Every structure is written in C-alpha cells, then in structure tokens.
Amino acid sequence: MASTFQLSILTPERSVFEGAVEYLQVPGSQGYLGVLAHHAGLVTALAAGRLTVRHAGGRGEVWEVEGGFFEVSNNRATVLADSLTGGGPGA
C-alpha cells in the first residue's frame, strides 16, 4: 500500500473534498505538478486545467479547476480553487 497524505479541496462556496489520498496532480502556473506523500513544501498559483486525485486502493477522481492557489506542507496539501467542476471517476 502506498503512503497517503491529507488533501483539502476548497472553493469560495464550499469544502469539496477532505481526506487521505495517494497521489494528486494539479495544473500549476508553470505546468502540471504531481504530489506524493512527504512532498517538499511549496506554494504556487493554479492555472486552468485538470485536477486528478488517486485515492487509496487506486480509485481516481477528476475535476476541472479554473485557477486559484495550491500549497503543500507537513504531509498536507490544500487546493484553494477559484471554481471547480466535475468530481467524477477518472485517471
């Protein structure tokens, strides 16, 4: 079993997701970023694109994000999305 980290996905209107995940890919301002457990700390702006989450056990979930900010610190990642659509199965 792969290591997990805590992920929060938030929009101005609501909390979209809160829980443990194995992998996250976000559209950073300079290109896509992949995040695994114990990733080095970082903060970046988000570009419009696909946000992909892999849950424990391999189930994937995909959202379309329209900008915002992303932070990783202390085995916890936070997506602050301007807007978000989707949330269905994927990758």
C-alpha atoms as a PDB file:
ATOM      1  CA  MET A   1       0.000   0.000   0.000  1.00  0.00           C
ATOM      2  CA  ALA A   2       1.305   3.432  -0.957  1.00  0.00           C
ATOM      3  CA  SER A   3       1.746   6.160   1.631  1.00  0.00           C
ATOM      4  CA  THR A   4      -1.033   8.730   1.893  1.00  0.00           C
ATOM      5  CA  PHE A   5      -1.268  12.409   2.724  1.00  0.00           C
ATOM      6  CA  GLN A   6      -4.156  14.679   3.703  1.00  0.00           C
ATOM      7  CA  LEU A   7      -5.834  16.696   0.967  1.00  0.00           C
ATOM      8  CA  SER A   8      -8.317  19.569   1.241  1.00  0.00           C
ATOM      9  CA  ILE A   9     -10.037  20.937  -1.879  1.00  0.00           C
ATOM     10  CA  LEU A  10     -11.864  24.199  -1.205  1.00  0.00           C
ATOM     11  CA  THR A  11     -13.761  26.781  -3.256  1.00  0.00           C
ATOM     12  CA  PRO A  12     -15.119  30.125  -2.031  1.00  0.00           C
ATOM     13  CA  GLU A  13     -18.539  28.465  -1.690  1.00  0.00           C
ATOM     14  CA  ARG A  14     -17.738  25.138  -0.001  1.00  0.00           C
ATOM     15  CA  SER A  15     -15.390  22.376   1.015  1.00  0.00           C
ATOM     16  CA  VAL A  16     -15.328  19.924  -1.923  1.00  0.00           C
ATOM     17  CA  PHE A  17     -13.066  17.171  -0.561  1.00  0.00           C
ATOM     18  CA  GLU A  18     -11.276  16.369   2.691  1.00  0.00           C
ATOM     19  CA  GLY A  19      -9.391  13.111   3.187  1.00  0.00           C
ATOM     20  CA  ALA A  20      -6.367  10.902   2.652  1.00  0.00           C
ATOM     21  CA  VAL A  21      -5.062  10.345  -0.892  1.00  0.00           C
ATOM     22  CA  GLU A  22      -2.078   8.592  -2.519  1.00  0.00           C
ATOM     23  CA  TYR A  23      -1.451  10.985  -5.408  1.00  0.00           C
ATOM     24  CA  LEU A  24      -2.504  14.405  -6.637  1.00  0.00           C
ATOM     25  CA  GLN A  25      -1.826  16.189  -9.919  1.00  0.00           C
ATOM     26  CA  VAL A  26      -2.597  19.906 -10.203  1.00  0.00           C
ATOM     27  CA  PRO A  27      -2.223  22.426 -13.046  1.00  0.00           C
ATOM     28  CA  GLY A  28       0.396  24.782 -11.634  1.00  0.00           C
ATOM     29  CA  SER A  29       1.139  28.150 -13.200  1.00  0.00           C
ATOM     30  CA  GLN A  30       4.329  26.708 -14.774  1.00  0.00           C
ATOM     31  CA  GLY A  31       2.921  23.283 -15.715  1.00  0.00           C
ATOM     32  CA  TYR A  32       1.416  20.231 -14.061  1.00  0.00           C
ATOM     33  CA  LEU A  33       2.710  19.134 -10.645  1.00  0.00           C
ATOM     34  CA  GLY A  34       2.498  15.612  -9.241  1.00  0.00           C
ATOM     35  CA  VAL A  35       2.418  15.214  -5.463  1.00  0.00           C
ATOM     36  CA  LEU A  36       3.017  12.091  -3.363  1.00  0.00           C
ATOM     37  CA  ALA A  37       3.244  11.674   0.408  1.00  0.00           C
ATOM     38  CA  HIS A  38       6.060  13.623   2.108  1.00  0.00           C
ATOM     39  CA  HIS A  39       6.428  16.073  -0.808  1.00  0.00           C
ATOM     40  CA  ALA A  40       8.635  19.101  -0.190  1.00  0.00           C
ATOM     41  CA  GLY A  41       6.756  22.229   0.855  1.00  0.00           C
ATOM     42  CA  LEU A  42       5.631  24.601  -1.890  1.00  0.00           C
ATOM     43  CA  VAL A  43       3.077  27.268  -2.759  1.00  0.00           C
ATOM     44  CA  THR A  44       2.037  28.069  -6.327  1.00  0.00           C
ATOM     45  CA  ALA A  45      -0.757  29.651  -8.329  1.00  0.00           C
ATOM     46  CA  LEU A  46      -3.058  27.288 -10.206  1.00  0.00           C
ATOM     47  CA  ALA A  47      -3.806  27.573 -13.908  1.00  0.00           C
ATOM     48  CA  ALA A  48      -6.975  26.347 -15.576  1.00  0.00           C
ATOM     49  CA  GLY A  49      -6.810  22.596 -16.124  1.00  0.00           C
ATOM     50  CA  ARG A  50      -7.441  19.129 -14.765  1.00  0.00           C
ATOM     51  CA  LEU A  51      -7.015  18.267 -11.085  1.00  0.00           C
ATOM     52  CA  THR A  52      -6.546  14.499 -10.638  1.00  0.00           C
ATOM     53  CA  VAL A  53      -6.718  12.608  -7.336  1.00  0.00           C
ATOM     54  CA  ARG A  54      -5.856   8.945  -6.717  1.00  0.00           C
ATOM     55  CA  HIS A  55      -7.423   7.586  -3.547  1.00  0.00           C
ATOM     56  CA  ALA A  56      -6.085   4.655  -1.507  1.00  0.00           C
ATOM     57  CA  GLY A  57      -6.844   1.499  -3.450  1.00  0.00           C
ATOM     58  CA  GLY A  58      -6.334   3.171  -6.838  1.00  0.00           C
ATOM     59  CA  ARG A  59      -9.741   4.803  -7.459  1.00  0.00           C
ATOM     60  CA  GLY A  60      -9.296   8.042  -9.403  1.00  0.00           C
ATOM     61  CA  GLU A  61     -11.317  11.253  -9.385  1.00  0.00           C
ATOM     62  CA  VAL A  62     -11.012  14.249 -11.720  1.00  0.00           C
ATOM     63  CA  TRP A  63     -12.129  17.895 -11.503  1.00  0.00           C
ATOM     64  CA  GLU A  64     -11.684  20.857 -13.836  1.00  0.00           C
ATOM     65  CA  VAL A  65     -10.197  23.835 -11.987  1.00  0.00           C
ATOM     66  CA  GLU A  66     -10.259  27.468 -13.151  1.00  0.00           C
ATOM     67  CA  GLY A  67      -7.311  28.902 -11.214  1.00  0.00           C
ATOM     68  CA  GLY A  68      -6.560  29.525  -7.560  1.00  0.00           C
ATOM     69  CA  PHE A  69      -3.694  28.524  -5.265  1.00  0.00           C
ATOM     70  CA  PHE A  70      -2.039  25.302  -4.138  1.00  0.00           C
ATOM     71  CA  GLU A  71       0.041  24.593  -1.024  1.00  0.00           C
ATOM     72  CA  VAL A  72       1.904  21.538   0.282  1.00  0.00           C
ATOM     73  CA  SER A  73       3.340  21.461   3.806  1.00  0.00           C
ATOM     74  CA  ASN A  74       3.840  18.814   6.517  1.00  0.00           C
ATOM     75  CA  ASN A  75       2.303  15.951   4.503  1.00  0.00           C
ATOM     76  CA  ARG A  76      -0.851  18.003   3.832  1.00  0.00           C
ATOM     77  CA  ALA A  77      -1.958  19.581   0.544  1.00  0.00           C
ATOM     78  CA  THR A  78      -4.551  22.321   0.102  1.00  0.00           C
ATOM     79  CA  VAL A  79      -6.203  23.359  -3.154  1.00  0.00           C
ATOM     80  CA  LEU A  80      -7.918  26.760  -2.990  1.00  0.00           C
ATOM     81  CA  ALA A  81      -9.774  26.781  -6.314  1.00  0.00           C
ATOM     82  CA  ASP A  82     -11.466  29.829  -7.827  1.00  0.00           C
ATOM     83  CA  SER A  83     -14.033  27.440  -9.322  1.00  0.00           C
ATOM     84  CA  LEU A  84     -14.272  23.680  -9.719  1.00  0.00           C
ATOM     85  CA  THR A  85     -16.444  21.356 -11.798  1.00  0.00           C
ATOM     86  CA  GLY A  86     -16.605  17.602 -12.150  1.00  0.00           C
ATOM     87  CA  GLY A  87     -15.566  15.219  -9.435  1.00  0.00           C
ATOM     88  CA  GLY A  88     -16.275  12.088 -11.410  1.00  0.00           C
ATOM     89  CA  PRO A  89     -14.261   8.933 -11.904  1.00  0.00           C
ATOM     90  CA  GLY A  90     -11.120   9.239 -13.910  1.00  0.00           C
ATOM     91  CA  ALA A  91      -7.423   8.584 -14.264  1.00  0.00           C
END
